[in-house]
Amino acid sequence: MSTVRINDDIKKEIKPILDNLGISLSEAINMFLHQIKLNNGIPFDLKIKKAVELNDGHGSYICEYGHLHDYSKLDIEQIEKDKDNRTFENVEDLKKALEGD
């Protein structure tokens, strides 16, 4: 039998969640420890996700998930002129309009 110290505030916050799942705190900790064993490490990423600015003058960046958000091809002035007059049926149509296709 081991003793684990847990912050009282976090314990109060997670207790209703675990109760809703029908899992005790002890069971949750044991499940976490088994996942560490199965994964041969912590079973989730332990990193600070950070977007990387491209400094292209357009606000483009690479998000924390590695996706390029390239705003260099957008005609912001035209978008501002047209914004009240257009509607789109789906995201693909919106993307095409924003890219000027």
PDB file of N, CA and C in Angstrom:
ATOM      1  N   MET A   1       0.842  -1.175   0.000  1.00  0.00           N
ATOM      2  CA  MET A   1       0.000   0.000   0.000  1.00  0.00           C
ATOM      3  C   MET A   1       0.885   1.235   0.000  1.00  0.00           C
ATOM      4  N   SER A   2       0.585   2.148  -0.912  1.00  0.00           N
ATOM      5  CA  SER A   2       1.350   3.390  -1.022  1.00  0.00           C
ATOM      6  C   SER A   2       0.449   4.578  -0.729  1.00  0.00           C
ATOM      7  N   THR A   3       1.076   5.660  -0.367  1.00  0.00           N
ATOM      8  CA  THR A   3       0.359   6.908  -0.133  1.00  0.00           C
ATOM      9  C   THR A   3       0.729   7.885  -1.236  1.00  0.00           C
ATOM     10  N   VAL A   4      -0.277   8.519  -1.795  1.00  0.00           N
ATOM     11  CA  VAL A   4      -0.055   9.509  -2.845  1.00  0.00           C
ATOM     12  C   VAL A   4      -0.654  10.820  -2.377  1.00  0.00           C
ATOM     13  N   ARG A   5       0.097  11.897  -2.493  1.00  0.00           N
ATOM     14  CA  ARG A   5      -0.419  13.218  -2.127  1.00  0.00           C
ATOM     15  C   ARG A   5      -1.049  13.849  -3.359  1.00  0.00           C
ATOM     16  N   ILE A   6      -2.267  14.326  -3.187  1.00  0.00           N
ATOM     17  CA  ILE A   6      -2.998  14.943  -4.290  1.00  0.00           C
ATOM     18  C   ILE A   6      -3.482  16.309  -3.830  1.00  0.00           C
ATOM     19  N   ASN A   7      -3.308  17.304  -4.675  1.00  0.00           N
ATOM     20  CA  ASN A   7      -3.774  18.650  -4.388  1.00  0.00           C
ATOM     21  C   ASN A   7      -5.276  18.614  -4.100  1.00  0.00           C
ATOM     22  N   ASP A   8      -5.687  19.181  -2.966  1.00  0.00           N
ATOM     23  CA  ASP A   8      -7.098  19.144  -2.557  1.00  0.00           C
ATOM     24  C   ASP A   8      -8.018  19.809  -3.574  1.00  0.00           C
ATOM     25  N   ASP A   9      -7.556  20.904  -4.191  1.00  0.00           N
ATOM     26  CA  ASP A   9      -8.403  21.611  -5.161  1.00  0.00           C
ATOM     27  C   ASP A   9      -8.692  20.740  -6.386  1.00  0.00           C
ATOM     28  N   ILE A  10      -7.664  20.096  -6.932  1.00  0.00           N
ATOM     29  CA  ILE A  10      -7.874  19.253  -8.113  1.00  0.00           C
ATOM     30  C   ILE A  10      -8.707  18.027  -7.738  1.00  0.00           C
ATOM     31  N   LYS A  11      -8.488  17.523  -6.544  1.00  0.00           N
ATOM     32  CA  LYS A  11      -9.258  16.361  -6.080  1.00  0.00           C
ATOM     33  C   LYS A  11     -10.745  16.700  -6.036  1.00  0.00           C
ATOM     34  N   LYS A  12     -11.094  17.888  -5.531  1.00  0.00           N
ATOM     35  CA  LYS A  12     -12.491  18.329  -5.484  1.00  0.00           C
ATOM     36  C   LYS A  12     -13.071  18.489  -6.890  1.00  0.00           C
ATOM     37  N   GLU A  13     -12.254  18.977  -7.814  1.00  0.00           N
ATOM     38  CA  GLU A  13     -12.723  19.197  -9.179  1.00  0.00           C
ATOM     39  C   GLU A  13     -12.965  17.891  -9.928  1.00  0.00           C
ATOM     40  N   ILE A  14     -12.096  16.894  -9.710  1.00  0.00           N
ATOM     41  CA  ILE A  14     -12.235  15.654 -10.482  1.00  0.00           C
ATOM     42  C   ILE A  14     -13.180  14.646  -9.845  1.00  0.00           C
ATOM     43  N   LYS A  15     -13.456  14.803  -8.558  1.00  0.00           N
ATOM     44  CA  LYS A  15     -14.325  13.836  -7.889  1.00  0.00           C
ATOM     45  C   LYS A  15     -15.688  13.693  -8.573  1.00  0.00           C
ATOM     46  N   PRO A  16     -16.380  14.791  -8.911  1.00  0.00           N
ATOM     47  CA  PRO A  16     -17.668  14.629  -9.588  1.00  0.00           C
ATOM     48  C   PRO A  16     -17.542  13.943 -10.960  1.00  0.00           C
ATOM     49  N   ILE A  17     -16.449  14.192 -11.642  1.00  0.00           N
ATOM     50  CA  ILE A  17     -16.231  13.564 -12.958  1.00  0.00           C
ATOM     51  C   ILE A  17     -16.059  12.061 -12.777  1.00  0.00           C
ATOM     52  N   LEU A  18     -15.200  11.680 -11.839  1.00  0.00           N
ATOM     53  CA  LEU A  18     -14.977  10.259 -11.593  1.00  0.00           C
ATOM     54  C   LEU A  18     -16.238   9.582 -11.064  1.00  0.00           C
ATOM     55  N   ASP A  19     -16.981  10.278 -10.192  1.00  0.00           N
ATOM     56  CA  ASP A  19     -18.246   9.725  -9.692  1.00  0.00           C
ATOM     57  C   ASP A  19     -19.205   9.459 -10.849  1.00  0.00           C
ATOM     58  N   ASN A  20     -19.255  10.397 -11.783  1.00  0.00           N
ATOM     59  CA  ASN A  20     -20.117  10.257 -12.958  1.00  0.00           C
ATOM     60  C   ASN A  20     -19.719   9.048 -13.802  1.00  0.00           C
ATOM     61  N   LEU A  21     -18.429   8.755 -13.818  1.00  0.00           N
ATOM     62  CA  LEU A  21     -17.924   7.600 -14.567  1.00  0.00           C
ATOM     63  C   LEU A  21     -17.999   6.304 -13.761  1.00  0.00           C
ATOM     64  N   GLY A  22     -18.308   6.422 -12.471  1.00  0.00           N
ATOM     65  CA  GLY A  22     -18.361   5.241 -11.616  1.00  0.00           C
ATOM     66  C   GLY A  22     -16.986   4.710 -11.271  1.00  0.00           C
ATOM     67  N   ILE A  23     -16.004   5.611 -11.207  1.00  0.00           N
ATOM     68  CA  ILE A  23     -14.613   5.224 -10.950  1.00  0.00           C
ATOM     69  C   ILE A  23     -14.132   5.963  -9.701  1.00  0.00           C
ATOM     70  N   SER A  24     -13.487   5.243  -8.813  1.00  0.00           N
ATOM     71  CA  SER A  24     -12.907   5.890  -7.635  1.00  0.00           C
ATOM     72  C   SER A  24     -11.588   6.551  -8.018  1.00  0.00           C
ATOM     73  N   LEU A  25     -11.128   7.445  -7.164  1.00  0.00           N
ATOM     74  CA  LEU A  25      -9.841   8.090  -7.393  1.00  0.00           C
ATOM     75  C   LEU A  25      -8.723   7.054  -7.431  1.00  0.00           C
ATOM     76  N   SER A  26      -8.788   6.083  -6.546  1.00  0.00           N
ATOM     77  CA  SER A  26      -7.792   5.024  -6.507  1.00  0.00           C
ATOM     78  C   SER A  26      -7.776   4.239  -7.821  1.00  0.00           C
ATOM     79  N   GLU A  27      -8.967   3.913  -8.337  1.00  0.00           N
ATOM     80  CA  GLU A  27      -9.050   3.188  -9.619  1.00  0.00           C
ATOM     81  C   GLU A  27      -8.490   4.032 -10.765  1.00  0.00           C
ATOM     82  N   ALA A  28      -8.791   5.331 -10.750  1.00  0.00           N
ATOM     83  CA  ALA A  28      -8.285   6.219 -11.801  1.00  0.00           C
ATOM     84  C   ALA A  28      -6.761   6.276 -11.769  1.00  0.00           C
ATOM     85  N   ILE A  29      -6.198   6.363 -10.580  1.00  0.00           N
ATOM     86  CA  ILE A  29      -4.733   6.390 -10.457  1.00  0.00           C
ATOM     87  C   ILE A  29      -4.139   5.073 -10.933  1.00  0.00           C
ATOM     88  N   ASN A  30      -4.746   3.957 -10.569  1.00  0.00           N
ATOM     89  CA  ASN A  30      -4.256   2.648 -11.033  1.00  0.00           C
ATOM     90  C   ASN A  30      -4.353   2.521 -12.549  1.00  0.00           C
ATOM     91  N   MET A  31      -5.441   3.036 -13.136  1.00  0.00           N
ATOM     92  CA  MET A  31      -5.573   3.003 -14.602  1.00  0.00           C
ATOM     93  C   MET A  31      -4.465   3.823 -15.252  1.00  0.00           C
ATOM     94  N   PHE A  32      -4.180   4.994 -14.686  1.00  0.00           N
ATOM     95  CA  PHE A  32      -3.113   5.838 -15.198  1.00  0.00           C
ATOM     96  C   PHE A  32      -1.768   5.118 -15.131  1.00  0.00           C
ATOM     97  N   LEU A  33      -1.493   4.484 -14.011  1.00  0.00           N
ATOM     98  CA  LEU A  33      -0.226   3.766 -13.851  1.00  0.00           C
ATOM     99  C   LEU A  33      -0.113   2.593 -14.826  1.00  0.00           C
ATOM    100  N   HIS A  34      -1.219   1.888 -15.059  1.00  0.00           N
ATOM    101  CA  HIS A  34      -1.203   0.796 -16.044  1.00  0.00           C
ATOM    102  C   HIS A  34      -0.947   1.339 -17.450  1.00  0.00           C
ATOM    103  N   GLN A  35      -1.497   2.492 -17.766  1.00  0.00           N
ATOM    104  CA  GLN A  35      -1.244   3.094 -19.069  1.00  0.00           C
ATOM    105  C   GLN A  35       0.227   3.497 -19.225  1.00  0.00           C
ATOM    106  N   ILE A  36       0.838   3.971 -18.162  1.00  0.00           N
ATOM    107  CA  ILE A  36       2.270   4.273 -18.208  1.00  0.00           C
ATOM    108  C   ILE A  36       3.045   3.007 -18.543  1.00  0.00           C
ATOM    109  N   LYS A  37       2.675   1.906 -17.907  1.00  0.00           N
ATOM    110  CA  LYS A  37       3.346   0.628 -18.162  1.00  0.00           C
ATOM    111  C   LYS A  37       3.135   0.186 -19.609  1.00  0.00           C
ATOM    112  N   LEU A  38       1.884   0.242 -20.090  1.00  0.00           N
ATOM    113  CA  LEU A  38       1.572  -0.198 -21.459  1.00  0.00           C
ATOM    114  C   LEU A  38       2.243   0.665 -22.520  1.00  0.00           C
ATOM    115  N   ASN A  39       2.355   1.965 -22.248  1.00  0.00           N
ATOM    116  CA  ASN A  39       2.940   2.900 -23.212  1.00  0.00           C
ATOM    117  C   ASN A  39       4.433   3.090 -23.026  1.00  0.00           C
ATOM    118  N   ASN A  40       4.958   2.474 -21.971  1.00  0.00           N
ATOM    119  CA  ASN A  40       6.367   2.647 -21.636  1.00  0.00           C
ATOM    120  C   ASN A  40       6.706   4.130 -21.486  1.00  0.00           C
ATOM    121  N   GLY A  41       5.781   4.861 -20.885  1.00  0.00           N
ATOM    122  CA  GLY A  41       5.948   6.297 -20.668  1.00  0.00           C
ATOM    123  C   GLY A  41       4.605   6.928 -20.367  1.00  0.00           C
ATOM    124  N   ILE A  42       4.606   8.229 -20.195  1.00  0.00           N
ATOM    125  CA  ILE A  42       3.367   8.961 -19.938  1.00  0.00           C
ATOM    126  C   ILE A  42       2.462   8.812 -21.163  1.00  0.00           C
ATOM    127  N   PRO A  43       1.178   8.477 -20.961  1.00  0.00           N
ATOM    128  CA  PRO A  43       0.298   8.170 -22.098  1.00  0.00           C
ATOM    129  C   PRO A  43      -0.301   9.388 -22.812  1.00  0.00           C
ATOM    130  N   PHE A  44       0.343  10.535 -22.693  1.00  0.00           N
ATOM    131  CA  PHE A  44      -0.086  11.729 -23.428  1.00  0.00           C
ATOM    132  C   PHE A  44       1.124  12.633 -23.580  1.00  0.00           C
ATOM    133  N   ASP A  45       1.018  13.588 -24.524  1.00  0.00           N
ATOM    134  CA  ASP A  45       2.128  14.499 -24.781  1.00  0.00           C
ATOM    135  C   ASP A  45       2.350  15.422 -23.604  1.00  0.00           C
ATOM    136  N   LEU A  46       3.591  15.613 -23.258  1.00  0.00           N
ATOM    137  CA  LEU A  46       3.969  16.572 -22.235  1.00  0.00           C
ATOM    138  C   LEU A  46       4.837  17.641 -22.886  1.00  0.00           C
ATOM    139  N   LYS A  47       4.170  18.550 -23.584  1.00  0.00           N
ATOM    140  CA  LYS A  47       4.914  19.623 -24.226  1.00  0.00           C
ATOM    141  C   LYS A  47       4.040  20.859 -24.285  1.00  0.00           C
ATOM    142  N   ILE A  48       4.691  21.962 -24.375  1.00  0.00           N
ATOM    143  CA  ILE A  48       3.981  23.226 -24.512  1.00  0.00           C
ATOM    144  C   ILE A  48       3.781  23.456 -26.001  1.00  0.00           C
ATOM    145  N   LYS A  49       2.515  23.470 -26.399  1.00  0.00           N
ATOM    146  CA  LYS A  49       2.221  23.677 -27.813  1.00  0.00           C
ATOM    147  C   LYS A  49       2.360  25.160 -28.123  1.00  0.00           C
ATOM    148  N   LYS A  50       3.032  25.438 -29.216  1.00  0.00           N
ATOM    149  CA  LYS A  50       3.327  26.817 -29.547  1.00  0.00           C
ATOM    150  C   LYS A  50       3.192  27.028 -31.048  1.00  0.00           C
ATOM    151  N   ALA A  51       2.500  28.089 -31.403  1.00  0.00           N
ATOM    152  CA  ALA A  51       2.405  28.459 -32.808  1.00  0.00           C
ATOM    153  C   ALA A  51       3.705  29.162 -33.210  1.00  0.00           C
ATOM    154  N   VAL A  52       4.098  29.007 -34.468  1.00  0.00           N
ATOM    155  CA  VAL A  52       5.313  29.631 -34.975  1.00  0.00           C
ATOM    156  C   VAL A  52       4.919  30.670 -36.015  1.00  0.00           C
ATOM    157  N   GLU A  53       5.225  31.946 -35.728  1.00  0.00           N
ATOM    158  CA  GLU A  53       4.931  33.005 -36.680  1.00  0.00           C
ATOM    159  C   GLU A  53       5.913  32.939 -37.836  1.00  0.00           C
ATOM    160  N   LEU A  54       5.418  33.216 -39.051  1.00  0.00           N
ATOM    161  CA  LEU A  54       6.277  33.169 -40.232  1.00  0.00           C
ATOM    162  C   LEU A  54       6.876  34.524 -40.580  1.00  0.00           C
ATOM    163  N   ASN A  55       6.400  35.593 -39.929  1.00  0.00           N
ATOM    164  CA  ASN A  55       6.915  36.947 -40.181  1.00  0.00           C
ATOM    165  C   ASN A  55       6.905  37.301 -41.661  1.00  0.00           C
ATOM    166  N   ASP A  56       5.813  36.949 -42.344  1.00  0.00           N
ATOM    167  CA  ASP A  56       5.695  37.259 -43.768  1.00  0.00           C
ATOM    168  C   ASP A  56       4.947  38.567 -44.005  1.00  0.00           C
ATOM    169  N   GLY A  57       4.593  39.247 -42.932  1.00  0.00           N
ATOM    170  CA  GLY A  57       3.875  40.511 -43.065  1.00  0.00           C
ATOM    171  C   GLY A  57       2.378  40.349 -43.236  1.00  0.00           C
ATOM    172  N   HIS A  58       1.891  39.101 -43.254  1.00  0.00           N
ATOM    173  CA  HIS A  58       0.467  38.846 -43.461  1.00  0.00           C
ATOM    174  C   HIS A  58      -0.178  38.144 -42.266  1.00  0.00           C
ATOM    175  N   GLY A  59       0.606  37.869 -41.242  1.00  0.00           N
ATOM    176  CA  GLY A  59       0.073  37.177 -40.075  1.00  0.00           C
ATOM    177  C   GLY A  59       0.035  35.671 -40.231  1.00  0.00           C
ATOM    178  N   SER A  60       0.702  35.122 -41.237  1.00  0.00           N
ATOM    179  CA  SER A  60       0.725  33.672 -41.442  1.00  0.00           C
ATOM    180  C   SER A  60       1.490  32.995 -40.305  1.00  0.00           C
ATOM    181  N   TYR A  61       1.105  31.765 -40.008  1.00  0.00           N
ATOM    182  CA  TYR A  61       1.774  31.033 -38.937  1.00  0.00           C
ATOM    183  C   TYR A  61       1.581  29.536 -39.115  1.00  0.00           C
ATOM    184  N   ILE A  62       2.367  28.766 -38.386  1.00  0.00           N
ATOM    185  CA  ILE A  62       2.199  27.318 -38.297  1.00  0.00           C
ATOM    186  C   ILE A  62       1.654  27.066 -36.896  1.00  0.00           C
ATOM    187  N   CYS A  63       0.481  26.448 -36.828  1.00  0.00           N
ATOM    188  CA  CYS A  63      -0.164  26.256 -35.525  1.00  0.00           C
ATOM    189  C   CYS A  63       0.504  25.126 -34.749  1.00  0.00           C
ATOM    190  N   GLU A  64       0.048  24.964 -33.515  1.00  0.00           N
ATOM    191  CA  GLU A  64       0.635  23.960 -32.628  1.00  0.00           C
ATOM    192  C   GLU A  64       0.470  22.540 -33.141  1.00  0.00           C
ATOM    193  N   TYR A  65      -0.430  22.346 -34.127  1.00  0.00           N
ATOM    194  CA  TYR A  65      -0.635  21.012 -34.690  1.00  0.00           C
ATOM    195  C   TYR A  65       0.152  20.815 -35.992  1.00  0.00           C
ATOM    196  N   GLY A  66       0.962  21.817 -36.367  1.00  0.00           N
ATOM    197  CA  GLY A  66       1.801  21.700 -37.557  1.00  0.00           C
ATOM    198  C   GLY A  66       1.127  22.116 -38.848  1.00  0.00           C
ATOM    199  N   HIS A  67      -0.043  22.740 -38.767  1.00  0.00           N
ATOM    200  CA  HIS A  67      -0.765  23.166 -39.967  1.00  0.00           C
ATOM    201  C   HIS A  67      -0.350  24.583 -40.354  1.00  0.00           C
ATOM    202  N   LEU A  68      -0.100  24.790 -41.636  1.00  0.00           N
ATOM    203  CA  LEU A  68       0.251  26.109 -42.147  1.00  0.00           C
ATOM    204  C   LEU A  68      -1.011  26.941 -42.326  1.00  0.00           C
ATOM    205  N   HIS A  69      -1.023  28.132 -41.750  1.00  0.00           N
ATOM    206  CA  HIS A  69      -2.106  29.094 -41.931  1.00  0.00           C
ATOM    207  C   HIS A  69      -1.488  30.248 -42.718  1.00  0.00           C
ATOM    208  N   ASP A  70      -1.604  30.162 -44.040  1.00  0.00           N
ATOM    209  CA  ASP A  70      -0.944  31.099 -44.948  1.00  0.00           C
ATOM    210  C   ASP A  70      -1.931  32.184 -45.365  1.00  0.00           C
ATOM    211  N   TYR A  71      -1.740  33.381 -44.823  1.00  0.00           N
ATOM    212  CA  TYR A  71      -2.629  34.490 -45.140  1.00  0.00           C
ATOM    213  C   TYR A  71      -2.057  35.394 -46.227  1.00  0.00           C
ATOM    214  N   SER A  72      -0.913  35.032 -46.796  1.00  0.00           N
ATOM    215  CA  SER A  72      -0.272  35.887 -47.794  1.00  0.00           C
ATOM    216  C   SER A  72      -1.064  35.973 -49.092  1.00  0.00           C
ATOM    217  N   LYS A  73      -1.931  34.995 -49.360  1.00  0.00           N
ATOM    218  CA  LYS A  73      -2.681  34.978 -50.614  1.00  0.00           C
ATOM    219  C   LYS A  73      -4.056  35.635 -50.497  1.00  0.00           C
ATOM    220  N   LEU A  74      -4.402  36.095 -49.302  1.00  0.00           N
ATOM    221  CA  LEU A  74      -5.714  36.686 -49.110  1.00  0.00           C
ATOM    222  C   LEU A  74      -5.711  38.159 -49.504  1.00  0.00           C
ATOM    223  N   ASP A  75      -6.735  38.579 -50.196  1.00  0.00           N
ATOM    224  CA  ASP A  75      -6.926  39.980 -50.533  1.00  0.00           C
ATOM    225  C   ASP A  75      -7.876  40.560 -49.495  1.00  0.00           C
ATOM    226  N   ILE A  76      -7.310  41.045 -48.403  1.00  0.00           N
ATOM    227  CA  ILE A  76      -8.095  41.506 -47.271  1.00  0.00           C
ATOM    228  C   ILE A  76      -9.018  42.655 -47.662  1.00  0.00           C
ATOM    229  N   GLU A  77      -8.536  43.578 -48.488  1.00  0.00           N
ATOM    230  CA  GLU A  77      -9.384  44.703 -48.905  1.00  0.00           C
ATOM    231  C   GLU A  77     -10.614  44.214 -49.650  1.00  0.00           C
ATOM    232  N   GLN A  78     -10.449  43.248 -50.540  1.00  0.00           N
ATOM    233  CA  GLN A  78     -11.585  42.717 -51.292  1.00  0.00           C
ATOM    234  C   GLN A  78     -12.547  41.957 -50.378  1.00  0.00           C
ATOM    235  N   ILE A  79     -12.005  41.243 -49.444  1.00  0.00           N
ATOM    236  CA  ILE A  79     -12.840  40.514 -48.487  1.00  0.00           C
ATOM    237  C   ILE A  79     -13.677  41.500 -47.679  1.00  0.00           C
ATOM    238  N   GLU A  80     -13.043  42.598 -47.238  1.00  0.00           N
ATOM    239  CA  GLU A  80     -13.776  43.613 -46.486  1.00  0.00           C
ATOM    240  C   GLU A  80     -14.903  44.212 -47.326  1.00  0.00           C
ATOM    241  N   LYS A  81     -14.646  44.455 -48.615  1.00  0.00           N
ATOM    242  CA  LYS A  81     -15.672  45.018 -49.498  1.00  0.00           C
ATOM    243  C   LYS A  81     -16.834  44.051 -49.691  1.00  0.00           C
ATOM    244  N   ASP A  82     -16.530  42.758 -49.833  1.00  0.00           N
ATOM    245  CA  ASP A  82     -17.538  41.760 -50.162  1.00  0.00           C
ATOM    246  C   ASP A  82     -18.185  41.088 -48.962  1.00  0.00           C
ATOM    247  N   LYS A  83     -17.680  41.299 -47.770  1.00  0.00           N
ATOM    248  CA  LYS A  83     -18.078  40.486 -46.621  1.00  0.00           C
ATOM    249  C   LYS A  83     -19.575  40.511 -46.321  1.00  0.00           C
ATOM    250  N   ASP A  84     -20.243  41.640 -46.578  1.00  0.00           N
ATOM    251  CA  ASP A  84     -21.664  41.716 -46.257  1.00  0.00           C
ATOM    252  C   ASP A  84     -22.557  41.186 -47.372  1.00  0.00           C
ATOM    253  N   ASN A  85     -21.985  40.894 -48.505  1.00  0.00           N
ATOM    254  CA  ASN A  85     -22.791  40.509 -49.661  1.00  0.00           C
ATOM    255  C   ASN A  85     -22.708  39.042 -50.028  1.00  0.00           C
ATOM    256  N   ARG A  86     -21.932  38.251 -49.309  1.00  0.00           N
ATOM    257  CA  ARG A  86     -21.743  36.865 -49.709  1.00  0.00           C
ATOM    258  C   ARG A  86     -22.172  35.903 -48.620  1.00  0.00           C
ATOM    259  N   THR A  87     -22.702  34.787 -49.056  1.00  0.00           N
ATOM    260  CA  THR A  87     -22.969  33.661 -48.168  1.00  0.00           C
ATOM    261  C   THR A  87     -22.389  32.424 -48.839  1.00  0.00           C
ATOM    262  N   PHE A  88     -22.120  31.401 -48.052  1.00  0.00           N
ATOM    263  CA  PHE A  88     -21.491  30.204 -48.572  1.00  0.00           C
ATOM    264  C   PHE A  88     -22.260  28.978 -48.122  1.00  0.00           C
ATOM    265  N   GLU A  89     -22.351  28.017 -49.010  1.00  0.00           N
ATOM    266  CA  GLU A  89     -23.065  26.775 -48.725  1.00  0.00           C
ATOM    267  C   GLU A  89     -22.243  25.817 -47.868  1.00  0.00           C
ATOM    268  N   ASN A  90     -20.908  25.924 -47.998  1.00  0.00           N
ATOM    269  CA  ASN A  90     -20.035  25.020 -47.252  1.00  0.00           C
ATOM    270  C   ASN A  90     -18.653  25.647 -47.100  1.00  0.00           C
ATOM    271  N   VAL A  91     -17.813  24.995 -46.335  1.00  0.00           N
ATOM    272  CA  VAL A  91     -16.475  25.508 -46.045  1.00  0.00           C
ATOM    273  C   VAL A  91     -15.611  25.547 -47.299  1.00  0.00           C
ATOM    274  N   GLU A  92     -15.767  24.573 -48.160  1.00  0.00           N
ATOM    275  CA  GLU A  92     -14.961  24.546 -49.393  1.00  0.00           C
ATOM    276  C   GLU A  92     -15.225  25.775 -50.253  1.00  0.00           C
ATOM    277  N   ASP A  93     -16.481  26.184 -50.372  1.00  0.00           N
ATOM    278  CA  ASP A  93     -16.814  27.388 -51.141  1.00  0.00           C
ATOM    279  C   ASP A  93     -16.208  28.626 -50.499  1.00  0.00           C
ATOM    280  N   LEU A  94     -16.252  28.671 -49.167  1.00  0.00           N
ATOM    281  CA  LEU A  94     -15.640  29.788 -48.455  1.00  0.00           C
ATOM    282  C   LEU A  94     -14.139  29.832 -48.713  1.00  0.00           C
ATOM    283  N   LYS A  95     -13.472  28.686 -48.625  1.00  0.00           N
ATOM    284  CA  LYS A  95     -12.030  28.633 -48.877  1.00  0.00           C
ATOM    285  C   LYS A  95     -11.699  29.117 -50.279  1.00  0.00           C
ATOM    286  N   LYS A  96     -12.473  28.666 -51.264  1.00  0.00           N
ATOM    287  CA  LYS A  96     -12.236  29.080 -52.644  1.00  0.00           C
ATOM    288  C   LYS A  96     -12.378  30.592 -52.784  1.00  0.00           C
ATOM    289  N   ALA A  97     -13.388  31.145 -52.143  1.00  0.00           N
ATOM    290  CA  ALA A  97     -13.594  32.592 -52.219  1.00  0.00           C
ATOM    291  C   ALA A  97     -12.455  33.346 -51.546  1.00  0.00           C
ATOM    292  N   LEU A  98     -11.991  32.845 -50.417  1.00  0.00           N
ATOM    293  CA  LEU A  98     -10.904  33.505 -49.712  1.00  0.00           C
ATOM    294  C   LEU A  98      -9.596  33.417 -50.489  1.00  0.00           C
ATOM    295  N   GLU A  99      -9.411  32.329 -51.218  1.00  0.00           N
ATOM    296  CA  GLU A  99      -8.188  32.154 -52.006  1.00  0.00           C
ATOM    297  C   GLU A  99      -8.287  32.823 -53.357  1.00  0.00           C
ATOM    298  N   GLY A 100      -9.451  33.332 -53.688  1.00  0.00           N
ATOM    299  CA  GLY A 100      -9.619  34.060 -54.939  1.00  0.00           C
ATOM    300  C   GLY A 100      -9.823  33.178 -56.152  1.00  0.00           C
ATOM    301  N   ASP A 101     -10.204  31.902 -55.938  1.00  0.00           N
ATOM    302  CA  ASP A 101     -10.422  30.992 -57.071  1.00  0.00           C
ATOM    303  C   ASP A 101     -11.803  31.156 -57.660  1.00  0.00           C
TER     304      ASP A 101
END
